[in-house]
Amino acid sequence: MKFSELIEQNKQNVRNIIKKITNEQNEDIEQEVYIKVWQNRDKYEEKGKLKGWIGTIAKNLAKDYLKSSYVKNRTDLDEEKLNEIKDKKTTPELKLVQNERQKTIIQAINNLKPKLKEIILLCEIEGNTYETVSKKLKIPLGTVKSRLYNAKKELAQSLKDLL
């Protein structure tokens, strides 16, 4: 597989991971992910999926970014925010809270209008690119982006208590 194909296949997943952890689109971290993938390509063992390996690299780089002194000085990150990012051992209480959050999120997605729900599922849950969704649904690229924006806006409103 060509490296450009690898990037294209994993682009949306990497962006989603970075956005989830840093709450922003960050092309610098994204580029760093692909640099690390390239530099460590000989270390990849085909025990798991390549997508998972790349996702782990993205997650670690995004966490490192948040912990960096640059970000600490630039934003109002507090210790509580950093503790949220740290890997936690699963406890029964944590698992219960996570399950409740998942149910709430699933319910919010199910309450979306059908066209918005479809876009969220295809783009965010399945990780398809905008172009792929555009072709799959036979709608313009701008419509995909618009619907995704509107779906996220509605979800943010209905899930504001979780955020």
N, C-alpha and C. Protein backbone atom coordinates (compact mmCIF):
# COMPACT_ATOMS: atom_id res chain seq x y z
N MET A 1 0.84 -1.17 0.00
CA MET A 1 0.00 0.00 0.00
C MET A 1 0.89 1.24 0.00
N LYS A 2 0.51 2.21 -0.81
CA LYS A 2 1.23 3.47 -0.85
C LYS A 2 0.96 4.26 0.42
N PHE A 3 1.95 5.06 0.82
CA PHE A 3 1.80 5.85 2.04
C PHE A 3 0.66 6.86 1.90
N SER A 4 0.49 7.42 0.71
CA SER A 4 -0.59 8.38 0.50
C SER A 4 -1.96 7.72 0.69
N GLU A 5 -2.09 6.45 0.29
CA GLU A 5 -3.34 5.72 0.50
C GLU A 5 -3.58 5.47 1.98
N LEU A 6 -2.50 5.14 2.69
CA LEU A 6 -2.59 4.91 4.12
C LEU A 6 -3.08 6.17 4.83
N ILE A 7 -2.56 7.32 4.44
CA ILE A 7 -2.98 8.59 5.02
C ILE A 7 -4.45 8.84 4.72
N GLU A 8 -4.83 8.65 3.48
CA GLU A 8 -6.21 8.91 3.07
C GLU A 8 -7.19 8.00 3.82
N GLN A 9 -6.83 6.74 4.00
CA GLN A 9 -7.72 5.79 4.68
C GLN A 9 -7.87 6.09 6.17
N ASN A 10 -6.86 6.72 6.78
CA ASN A 10 -6.87 6.94 8.22
C ASN A 10 -7.08 8.39 8.61
N LYS A 11 -7.20 9.27 7.63
CA LYS A 11 -7.27 10.71 7.88
C LYS A 11 -8.40 11.08 8.84
N GLN A 12 -9.61 10.62 8.55
CA GLN A 12 -10.76 11.01 9.37
C GLN A 12 -10.65 10.45 10.77
N ASN A 13 -10.20 9.22 10.91
CA ASN A 13 -10.04 8.61 12.23
C ASN A 13 -9.02 9.40 13.06
N VAL A 14 -7.88 9.75 12.46
CA VAL A 14 -6.85 10.51 13.15
C VAL A 14 -7.40 11.87 13.57
N ARG A 15 -8.10 12.53 12.67
CA ARG A 15 -8.69 13.84 12.99
C ARG A 15 -9.69 13.74 14.14
N ASN A 16 -10.52 12.70 14.11
CA ASN A 16 -11.51 12.51 15.16
C ASN A 16 -10.85 12.30 16.53
N ILE A 17 -9.80 11.50 16.56
CA ILE A 17 -9.09 11.24 17.82
C ILE A 17 -8.49 12.53 18.36
N ILE A 18 -7.81 13.27 17.49
CA ILE A 18 -7.17 14.52 17.91
C ILE A 18 -8.22 15.51 18.41
N LYS A 19 -9.31 15.63 17.67
CA LYS A 19 -10.38 16.57 18.06
C LYS A 19 -11.00 16.17 19.40
N LYS A 20 -11.20 14.88 19.59
CA LYS A 20 -11.81 14.40 20.83
C LYS A 20 -10.93 14.72 22.03
N ILE A 21 -9.64 14.57 21.89
CA ILE A 21 -8.73 14.79 23.02
C ILE A 21 -8.41 16.26 23.22
N THR A 22 -8.16 16.99 22.13
CA THR A 22 -7.71 18.38 22.28
C THR A 22 -8.84 19.41 22.13
N ASN A 23 -10.01 18.95 21.70
CA ASN A 23 -11.15 19.84 21.44
C ASN A 23 -10.85 20.86 20.34
N GLU A 24 -9.98 20.53 19.43
CA GLU A 24 -9.67 21.40 18.30
C GLU A 24 -9.12 20.59 17.14
N GLN A 25 -9.28 21.14 15.95
CA GLN A 25 -8.63 20.55 14.79
C GLN A 25 -7.18 21.01 14.84
N ASN A 26 -6.24 20.10 14.73
CA ASN A 26 -4.85 20.47 14.84
C ASN A 26 -4.05 19.73 13.77
N GLU A 27 -3.76 20.44 12.69
CA GLU A 27 -3.05 19.83 11.57
C GLU A 27 -1.60 19.50 11.93
N ASP A 28 -1.02 20.24 12.88
CA ASP A 28 0.35 19.95 13.29
C ASP A 28 0.45 18.56 13.94
N ILE A 29 -0.50 18.27 14.82
CA ILE A 29 -0.50 16.94 15.45
C ILE A 29 -0.76 15.88 14.39
N GLU A 30 -1.68 16.17 13.50
CA GLU A 30 -2.01 15.22 12.43
C GLU A 30 -0.77 14.89 11.60
N GLN A 31 -0.02 15.91 11.22
CA GLN A 31 1.21 15.68 10.46
C GLN A 31 2.22 14.89 11.27
N GLU A 32 2.30 15.21 12.56
CA GLU A 32 3.23 14.50 13.44
C GLU A 32 2.88 13.01 13.51
N VAL A 33 1.59 12.70 13.48
CA VAL A 33 1.15 11.31 13.50
C VAL A 33 1.73 10.57 12.30
N TYR A 34 1.60 11.18 11.12
CA TYR A 34 2.07 10.49 9.91
C TYR A 34 3.60 10.42 9.86
N ILE A 35 4.25 11.40 10.43
CA ILE A 35 5.72 11.34 10.52
C ILE A 35 6.12 10.16 11.40
N LYS A 36 5.46 10.02 12.56
CA LYS A 36 5.76 8.91 13.48
C LYS A 36 5.46 7.56 12.81
N VAL A 37 4.35 7.50 12.09
CA VAL A 37 3.99 6.26 11.39
C VAL A 37 5.09 5.91 10.39
N TRP A 38 5.54 6.90 9.64
CA TRP A 38 6.59 6.68 8.65
C TRP A 38 7.90 6.25 9.32
N GLN A 39 8.27 6.95 10.39
CA GLN A 39 9.53 6.66 11.07
C GLN A 39 9.51 5.28 11.73
N ASN A 40 8.35 4.83 12.17
CA ASN A 40 8.26 3.58 12.92
C ASN A 40 7.59 2.46 12.14
N ARG A 41 7.48 2.63 10.84
CA ARG A 41 6.78 1.63 10.02
C ARG A 41 7.40 0.24 10.13
N ASP A 42 8.72 0.18 10.35
CA ASP A 42 9.38 -1.12 10.47
C ASP A 42 9.11 -1.78 11.84
N LYS A 43 8.62 -1.00 12.80
CA LYS A 43 8.32 -1.53 14.14
C LYS A 43 6.90 -2.07 14.25
N TYR A 44 6.06 -1.75 13.25
CA TYR A 44 4.68 -2.22 13.30
C TYR A 44 4.66 -3.73 13.13
N GLU A 45 3.99 -4.39 14.08
CA GLU A 45 3.82 -5.84 14.01
C GLU A 45 2.38 -6.12 13.63
N GLU A 46 2.18 -6.98 12.70
CA GLU A 46 0.83 -7.23 12.18
C GLU A 46 0.00 -8.12 13.11
N LYS A 47 0.10 -7.84 14.40
CA LYS A 47 -0.71 -8.58 15.37
C LYS A 47 -2.11 -7.99 15.47
N GLY A 48 -2.19 -6.69 15.30
CA GLY A 48 -3.48 -6.01 15.37
C GLY A 48 -3.74 -5.28 14.08
N LYS A 49 -4.78 -4.45 14.10
CA LYS A 49 -5.10 -3.69 12.91
C LYS A 49 -4.21 -2.46 12.81
N LEU A 50 -3.84 -2.14 11.60
CA LEU A 50 -3.02 -0.96 11.34
C LEU A 50 -3.74 0.30 11.80
N LYS A 51 -5.05 0.34 11.61
CA LYS A 51 -5.85 1.50 12.02
C LYS A 51 -5.72 1.73 13.53
N GLY A 52 -5.72 0.68 14.30
CA GLY A 52 -5.59 0.78 15.75
C GLY A 52 -4.22 1.28 16.16
N TRP A 53 -3.19 0.82 15.47
CA TRP A 53 -1.81 1.25 15.75
C TRP A 53 -1.67 2.74 15.46
N ILE A 54 -2.20 3.18 14.34
CA ILE A 54 -2.15 4.60 13.97
C ILE A 54 -2.97 5.42 14.96
N GLY A 55 -4.12 4.89 15.36
CA GLY A 55 -4.97 5.57 16.34
C GLY A 55 -4.27 5.75 17.68
N THR A 56 -3.50 4.74 18.10
CA THR A 56 -2.75 4.84 19.35
C THR A 56 -1.69 5.94 19.26
N ILE A 57 -1.03 6.01 18.13
CA ILE A 57 -0.03 7.07 17.92
C ILE A 57 -0.71 8.43 18.00
N ALA A 58 -1.85 8.58 17.35
CA ALA A 58 -2.59 9.85 17.36
C ALA A 58 -3.00 10.21 18.79
N LYS A 59 -3.51 9.24 19.52
CA LYS A 59 -3.95 9.48 20.90
C LYS A 59 -2.78 9.94 21.77
N ASN A 60 -1.66 9.26 21.66
CA ASN A 60 -0.50 9.61 22.48
C ASN A 60 0.05 10.99 22.13
N LEU A 61 0.10 11.31 20.84
CA LEU A 61 0.60 12.63 20.45
C LEU A 61 -0.35 13.74 20.89
N ALA A 62 -1.64 13.49 20.83
CA ALA A 62 -2.62 14.49 21.28
C ALA A 62 -2.50 14.71 22.79
N LYS A 63 -2.31 13.64 23.54
CA LYS A 63 -2.13 13.76 24.99
C LYS A 63 -0.84 14.53 25.30
N ASP A 64 0.22 14.19 24.58
CA ASP A 64 1.49 14.90 24.79
C ASP A 64 1.33 16.39 24.51
N TYR A 65 0.57 16.70 23.49
CA TYR A 65 0.32 18.10 23.13
C TYR A 65 -0.36 18.83 24.29
N LEU A 66 -1.38 18.20 24.86
CA LEU A 66 -2.09 18.83 25.96
C LEU A 66 -1.21 19.01 27.20
N LYS A 67 -0.29 18.10 27.38
CA LYS A 67 0.59 18.17 28.55
C LYS A 67 1.75 19.15 28.36
N SER A 68 1.96 19.55 27.13
CA SER A 68 3.11 20.42 26.85
C SER A 68 2.97 21.77 27.53
N SER A 69 4.08 22.36 27.85
CA SER A 69 4.06 23.66 28.53
C SER A 69 3.48 24.74 27.63
N TYR A 70 3.62 24.57 26.32
CA TYR A 70 3.06 25.55 25.38
C TYR A 70 1.55 25.66 25.58
N VAL A 71 0.89 24.54 25.64
CA VAL A 71 -0.56 24.54 25.78
C VAL A 71 -0.95 25.00 27.19
N LYS A 72 -0.20 24.58 28.20
CA LYS A 72 -0.52 24.98 29.56
C LYS A 72 -0.46 26.50 29.69
N ASN A 73 0.51 27.11 29.05
CA ASN A 73 0.65 28.57 29.12
C ASN A 73 -0.37 29.27 28.24
N ARG A 74 -0.81 28.61 27.20
CA ARG A 74 -1.71 29.21 26.23
C ARG A 74 -3.17 29.15 26.65
N THR A 75 -3.54 28.15 27.41
CA THR A 75 -4.93 27.98 27.79
C THR A 75 -5.07 27.87 29.30
N ASP A 76 -6.27 27.76 29.73
CA ASP A 76 -6.55 27.63 31.16
C ASP A 76 -6.71 26.16 31.53
N LEU A 77 -5.81 25.33 31.07
CA LEU A 77 -5.88 23.93 31.43
C LEU A 77 -5.57 23.79 32.91
N ASP A 78 -6.39 23.05 33.60
CA ASP A 78 -6.11 22.83 35.00
C ASP A 78 -5.83 21.35 35.23
N GLU A 79 -5.48 21.03 36.42
CA GLU A 79 -5.13 19.65 36.76
C GLU A 79 -6.31 18.71 36.51
N GLU A 80 -7.52 19.19 36.73
CA GLU A 80 -8.71 18.36 36.51
C GLU A 80 -8.80 17.92 35.05
N LYS A 81 -8.54 18.83 34.13
CA LYS A 81 -8.59 18.51 32.69
C LYS A 81 -7.54 17.46 32.35
N LEU A 82 -6.33 17.62 32.89
CA LEU A 82 -5.28 16.64 32.61
C LEU A 82 -5.61 15.28 33.21
N ASN A 83 -6.26 15.25 34.37
CA ASN A 83 -6.65 13.99 34.98
C ASN A 83 -7.70 13.27 34.13
N GLU A 84 -8.55 14.03 33.45
CA GLU A 84 -9.54 13.42 32.56
C GLU A 84 -8.85 12.69 31.42
N ILE A 85 -7.70 13.20 31.01
CA ILE A 85 -6.99 12.64 29.86
C ILE A 85 -6.20 11.40 30.24
N LYS A 86 -5.70 11.36 31.46
CA LYS A 86 -4.89 10.22 31.90
C LYS A 86 -5.69 8.93 31.78
N ASP A 87 -4.98 7.86 31.41
CA ASP A 87 -5.64 6.57 31.34
C ASP A 87 -6.05 6.15 32.74
N LYS A 88 -7.28 5.72 32.88
CA LYS A 88 -7.78 5.32 34.18
C LYS A 88 -8.09 3.83 34.13
N LYS A 89 -7.86 3.17 35.25
CA LYS A 89 -8.27 1.79 35.33
C LYS A 89 -9.79 1.78 35.43
N THR A 90 -10.38 0.81 34.80
CA THR A 90 -11.83 0.73 34.82
C THR A 90 -12.29 0.22 36.18
N THR A 91 -13.12 1.01 36.80
CA THR A 91 -13.73 0.61 38.06
C THR A 91 -15.21 0.40 37.79
N PRO A 92 -15.89 -0.31 38.66
CA PRO A 92 -17.34 -0.51 38.45
C PRO A 92 -18.09 0.82 38.37
N GLU A 93 -17.69 1.77 39.21
CA GLU A 93 -18.35 3.07 39.20
C GLU A 93 -18.13 3.78 37.87
N LEU A 94 -16.88 3.76 37.40
CA LEU A 94 -16.54 4.41 36.14
C LEU A 94 -17.28 3.74 34.99
N LYS A 95 -17.34 2.44 35.02
CA LYS A 95 -18.03 1.70 33.96
C LYS A 95 -19.52 2.05 33.94
N LEU A 96 -20.12 2.18 35.11
CA LEU A 96 -21.53 2.55 35.20
C LEU A 96 -21.77 3.93 34.62
N VAL A 97 -20.90 4.88 34.98
CA VAL A 97 -21.02 6.25 34.46
C VAL A 97 -20.85 6.25 32.94
N GLN A 98 -19.86 5.50 32.45
CA GLN A 98 -19.63 5.43 31.01
C GLN A 98 -20.83 4.83 30.29
N ASN A 99 -21.41 3.79 30.86
CA ASN A 99 -22.59 3.17 30.24
C ASN A 99 -23.76 4.13 30.18
N GLU A 100 -23.96 4.90 31.25
CA GLU A 100 -25.05 5.88 31.28
C GLU A 100 -24.81 6.97 30.25
N ARG A 101 -23.56 7.43 30.15
CA ARG A 101 -23.22 8.45 29.16
C ARG A 101 -23.48 7.92 27.75
N GLN A 102 -23.07 6.67 27.51
CA GLN A 102 -23.28 6.08 26.19
C GLN A 102 -24.76 6.01 25.85
N LYS A 103 -25.57 5.60 26.81
CA LYS A 103 -27.02 5.50 26.57
C LYS A 103 -27.59 6.88 26.24
N THR A 104 -27.13 7.89 26.95
CA THR A 104 -27.61 9.26 26.72
C THR A 104 -27.22 9.73 25.32
N ILE A 105 -25.98 9.44 24.93
CA ILE A 105 -25.49 9.85 23.61
C ILE A 105 -26.25 9.12 22.51
N ILE A 106 -26.43 7.82 22.68
CA ILE A 106 -27.17 7.03 21.68
C ILE A 106 -28.59 7.55 21.55
N GLN A 107 -29.22 7.86 22.68
CA GLN A 107 -30.58 8.40 22.65
C GLN A 107 -30.62 9.73 21.91
N ALA A 108 -29.63 10.60 22.15
CA ALA A 108 -29.56 11.90 21.48
C ALA A 108 -29.39 11.71 19.97
N ILE A 109 -28.56 10.77 19.57
CA ILE A 109 -28.37 10.49 18.14
C ILE A 109 -29.66 9.96 17.53
N ASN A 110 -30.32 9.06 18.24
CA ASN A 110 -31.58 8.50 17.74
C ASN A 110 -32.68 9.55 17.62
N ASN A 111 -32.59 10.62 18.40
CA ASN A 111 -33.60 11.67 18.36
C ASN A 111 -33.37 12.67 17.23
N LEU A 112 -32.24 12.57 16.55
CA LEU A 112 -31.96 13.48 15.43
C LEU A 112 -32.90 13.17 14.27
N LYS A 113 -33.08 14.18 13.40
CA LYS A 113 -33.82 13.97 12.17
C LYS A 113 -33.08 12.89 11.36
N PRO A 114 -33.81 12.08 10.59
CA PRO A 114 -33.18 10.96 9.87
C PRO A 114 -31.95 11.35 9.03
N LYS A 115 -32.01 12.45 8.32
CA LYS A 115 -30.88 12.84 7.47
C LYS A 115 -29.66 13.22 8.31
N LEU A 116 -29.88 13.87 9.44
CA LEU A 116 -28.77 14.26 10.31
C LEU A 116 -28.20 13.03 11.02
N LYS A 117 -29.07 12.14 11.44
CA LYS A 117 -28.64 10.90 12.09
C LYS A 117 -27.76 10.08 11.13
N GLU A 118 -28.20 10.00 9.90
CA GLU A 118 -27.47 9.24 8.88
C GLU A 118 -26.05 9.80 8.69
N ILE A 119 -25.93 11.12 8.63
CA ILE A 119 -24.63 11.76 8.45
C ILE A 119 -23.73 11.51 9.65
N ILE A 120 -24.26 11.65 10.86
CA ILE A 120 -23.46 11.40 12.07
C ILE A 120 -22.95 9.97 12.09
N LEU A 121 -23.83 9.03 11.77
CA LEU A 121 -23.43 7.62 11.78
C LEU A 121 -22.34 7.35 10.75
N LEU A 122 -22.51 7.87 9.55
CA LEU A 122 -21.55 7.60 8.48
C LEU A 122 -20.20 8.30 8.72
N CYS A 123 -20.24 9.56 9.15
CA CYS A 123 -19.00 10.32 9.31
C CYS A 123 -18.30 10.06 10.64
N GLU A 124 -19.03 10.19 11.72
CA GLU A 124 -18.41 10.15 13.05
C GLU A 124 -18.32 8.75 13.64
N ILE A 125 -19.32 7.95 13.44
CA ILE A 125 -19.32 6.61 14.03
C ILE A 125 -18.53 5.64 13.15
N GLU A 126 -18.84 5.63 11.85
CA GLU A 126 -18.15 4.72 10.94
C GLU A 126 -16.81 5.28 10.47
N GLY A 127 -16.62 6.59 10.59
CA GLY A 127 -15.34 7.20 10.22
C GLY A 127 -15.13 7.40 8.73
N ASN A 128 -16.20 7.44 7.95
CA ASN A 128 -16.07 7.67 6.51
C ASN A 128 -15.65 9.11 6.24
N THR A 129 -14.97 9.33 5.14
CA THR A 129 -14.61 10.69 4.74
C THR A 129 -15.84 11.38 4.17
N TYR A 130 -15.79 12.70 4.12
CA TYR A 130 -16.91 13.46 3.56
C TYR A 130 -17.15 13.03 2.11
N GLU A 131 -16.07 12.82 1.38
CA GLU A 131 -16.17 12.45 -0.03
C GLU A 131 -16.88 11.10 -0.19
N THR A 132 -16.52 10.15 0.66
CA THR A 132 -17.14 8.82 0.61
C THR A 132 -18.64 8.92 0.90
N VAL A 133 -18.98 9.70 1.92
CA VAL A 133 -20.39 9.87 2.29
C VAL A 133 -21.14 10.56 1.15
N SER A 134 -20.51 11.56 0.55
CA SER A 134 -21.12 12.28 -0.57
C SER A 134 -21.47 11.32 -1.70
N LYS A 135 -20.54 10.45 -2.03
CA LYS A 135 -20.77 9.47 -3.10
C LYS A 135 -21.82 8.44 -2.69
N LYS A 136 -21.72 7.97 -1.44
CA LYS A 136 -22.63 6.94 -0.96
C LYS A 136 -24.08 7.43 -0.95
N LEU A 137 -24.28 8.68 -0.52
CA LEU A 137 -25.63 9.22 -0.43
C LEU A 137 -26.06 9.98 -1.69
N LYS A 138 -25.11 10.14 -2.61
CA LYS A 138 -25.37 10.86 -3.87
C LYS A 138 -25.87 12.28 -3.60
N ILE A 139 -25.13 12.96 -2.71
CA ILE A 139 -25.43 14.36 -2.39
C ILE A 139 -24.14 15.16 -2.50
N PRO A 140 -24.23 16.47 -2.73
CA PRO A 140 -23.02 17.29 -2.85
C PRO A 140 -22.20 17.29 -1.55
N LEU A 141 -20.90 17.50 -1.70
CA LEU A 141 -19.99 17.55 -0.56
C LEU A 141 -20.40 18.63 0.44
N GLY A 142 -20.82 19.77 -0.06
CA GLY A 142 -21.26 20.86 0.80
C GLY A 142 -22.47 20.47 1.65
N THR A 143 -23.34 19.66 1.10
CA THR A 143 -24.51 19.19 1.84
C THR A 143 -24.09 18.27 2.98
N VAL A 144 -23.10 17.42 2.71
CA VAL A 144 -22.58 16.54 3.77
C VAL A 144 -22.05 17.40 4.92
N LYS A 145 -21.23 18.38 4.58
CA LYS A 145 -20.63 19.24 5.61
C LYS A 145 -21.69 20.02 6.37
N SER A 146 -22.67 20.54 5.66
CA SER A 146 -23.74 21.31 6.27
C SER A 146 -24.56 20.45 7.23
N ARG A 147 -24.93 19.26 6.77
CA ARG A 147 -25.72 18.37 7.62
C ARG A 147 -24.93 17.93 8.86
N LEU A 148 -23.64 17.67 8.65
CA LEU A 148 -22.81 17.27 9.78
C LEU A 148 -22.71 18.40 10.80
N TYR A 149 -22.54 19.61 10.32
CA TYR A 149 -22.48 20.78 11.21
C TYR A 149 -23.78 20.90 12.00
N ASN A 150 -24.89 20.79 11.30
CA ASN A 150 -26.20 20.91 11.96
C ASN A 150 -26.44 19.78 12.95
N ALA A 151 -26.02 18.57 12.59
CA ALA A 151 -26.19 17.43 13.49
C ALA A 151 -25.36 17.62 14.75
N LYS A 152 -24.13 18.06 14.59
CA LYS A 152 -23.26 18.29 15.76
C LYS A 152 -23.82 19.41 16.63
N LYS A 153 -24.35 20.42 15.99
CA LYS A 153 -24.93 21.54 16.73
C LYS A 153 -26.12 21.07 17.58
N GLU A 154 -26.99 20.25 16.98
CA GLU A 154 -28.14 19.72 17.72
C GLU A 154 -27.71 18.78 18.84
N LEU A 155 -26.69 17.95 18.55
CA LEU A 155 -26.20 17.04 19.59
C LEU A 155 -25.57 17.82 20.74
N ALA A 156 -24.80 18.83 20.41
CA ALA A 156 -24.19 19.66 21.46
C ALA A 156 -25.26 20.27 22.35
N GLN A 157 -26.35 20.73 21.73
CA GLN A 157 -27.43 21.33 22.50
C GLN A 157 -28.11 20.29 23.40
N SER A 158 -28.39 19.12 22.84
CA SER A 158 -29.10 18.11 23.64
C SER A 158 -28.19 17.43 24.65
N LEU A 159 -26.89 17.48 24.44
CA LEU A 159 -25.94 16.84 25.36
C LEU A 159 -25.16 17.84 26.21
N LYS A 160 -25.63 19.07 26.27
CA LYS A 160 -24.87 20.11 26.97
C LYS A 160 -24.62 19.75 28.43
N ASP A 161 -25.49 18.97 29.04
CA ASP A 161 -25.27 18.55 30.44
C ASP A 161 -24.09 17.60 30.57
N LEU A 162 -23.85 16.81 29.52
CA LEU A 162 -22.70 15.89 29.54
C LEU A 162 -21.39 16.62 29.29
N LEU A 163 -21.46 17.70 28.51
CA LEU A 163 -20.25 18.43 28.17
C LEU A 163 -19.87 19.29 29.36
